[in-house]
Amino acid sequence: MHRHRTPLRGVKAIPRPKPDDPNYNEVNYAYAGRVGHVHEVVEIAGRSLAKIGFDDRKIVYYFLDDLDLDETAKRGTFHD
């Protein structure tokens, strides 16, 4: 079962995955440290995953705990 949560939509996020985390792959690490924005947050099996969109239109999922969030950022999406 999963649940969608969107109150963080549009918030600036910088992924900082832990080194050698088996939950991540080379794409996750390629976008680590880059600025993106939260599109949505999904909770799966009690863990929150954030769908992060980057300027090159790439979408990458990260655990919410592995993100630096700027909650003062303007909220919205690329579509606003």
Protein backbone atom coordinates (compact mmCIF):
# COMPACT_ATOMS: atom_id res chain seq x y z
CA MET A 1 0.00 0.00 0.00
CA HIS A 2 1.21 3.50 -0.73
CA ARG A 3 -0.07 6.99 -0.03
CA HIS A 4 0.62 10.25 -1.90
CA ARG A 5 1.48 13.42 -0.01
CA THR A 6 2.06 16.69 -1.82
CA PRO A 7 2.52 19.48 0.77
CA LEU A 8 6.18 19.69 -0.22
CA ARG A 9 5.43 20.13 -3.93
CA GLY A 10 7.79 22.71 -5.42
CA VAL A 11 10.20 22.80 -2.49
CA LYS A 12 13.86 22.99 -3.48
CA ALA A 13 15.68 19.77 -2.61
CA ILE A 14 19.29 18.66 -2.73
CA PRO A 15 19.75 14.89 -2.53
CA ARG A 16 22.48 13.61 -0.26
CA PRO A 17 22.28 9.79 -0.38
CA LYS A 18 24.56 7.86 1.93
CA PRO A 19 27.61 6.37 0.17
CA ASP A 20 27.16 2.79 -1.05
CA ASP A 21 23.49 2.61 -0.01
CA PRO A 22 22.08 -0.49 -1.76
CA ASN A 23 18.72 1.29 -2.16
CA TYR A 24 20.26 3.67 -4.69
CA ASN A 25 21.83 3.18 -8.11
CA GLU A 26 24.22 5.11 -10.35
CA VAL A 27 21.49 7.56 -11.45
CA ASN A 28 20.76 8.50 -7.84
CA TYR A 29 24.43 9.17 -7.22
CA ALA A 30 24.81 11.09 -10.51
CA TYR A 31 22.17 13.58 -9.34
CA ALA A 32 23.40 13.72 -5.73
CA GLY A 33 24.27 17.26 -4.68
CA ARG A 34 22.30 18.83 -7.55
CA VAL A 35 19.38 21.16 -6.91
CA GLY A 36 15.97 19.80 -7.84
CA HIS A 37 12.37 20.32 -6.75
CA VAL A 38 9.89 17.99 -5.08
CA HIS A 39 7.08 16.87 -7.36
CA GLU A 40 5.41 14.60 -4.84
CA VAL A 41 6.08 12.42 -1.82
CA VAL A 42 4.89 8.83 -1.71
CA GLU A 43 4.85 6.67 1.39
CA ILE A 44 5.56 2.99 0.75
CA ALA A 45 5.83 0.45 3.57
CA GLY A 46 6.27 3.24 6.11
CA ARG A 47 9.10 4.98 4.24
CA SER A 48 8.71 8.29 2.43
CA LEU A 49 10.10 8.60 -1.10
CA ALA A 50 10.28 11.96 -2.83
CA LYS A 51 9.99 12.31 -6.58
CA ILE A 52 12.58 14.97 -7.44
CA GLY A 53 12.60 16.82 -10.76
CA PHE A 54 15.78 18.42 -12.08
CA ASP A 55 16.36 21.24 -14.61
CA ASP A 56 17.14 18.72 -17.37
CA ARG A 57 13.63 17.27 -16.81
CA LYS A 58 15.04 14.08 -15.25
CA ILE A 59 12.96 12.60 -12.41
CA VAL A 60 14.76 10.66 -9.68
CA TYR A 61 13.37 9.17 -6.45
CA TYR A 62 15.12 9.62 -3.09
CA PHE A 63 14.20 8.78 0.47
CA LEU A 64 12.89 11.93 2.11
CA ASP A 65 15.44 11.51 4.91
CA ASP A 66 18.26 11.86 2.35
CA LEU A 67 17.20 15.32 1.12
CA ASP A 68 18.19 18.81 2.22
CA LEU A 69 14.93 20.73 1.83
CA ASP A 70 14.51 24.50 1.50
CA GLU A 71 10.98 24.89 2.77
CA THR A 72 11.21 28.67 2.34
CA ALA A 73 11.32 28.17 -1.45
CA LYS A 74 8.39 29.14 -3.64
CA ARG A 75 6.05 26.21 -3.98
CA GLY A 76 4.74 25.07 -7.34
CA THR A 77 5.77 22.76 -10.13
CA PHE A 78 7.34 23.09 -13.56
CA HIS A 79 3.76 23.26 -14.86
CA ASP A 80 2.77 26.34 -12.82
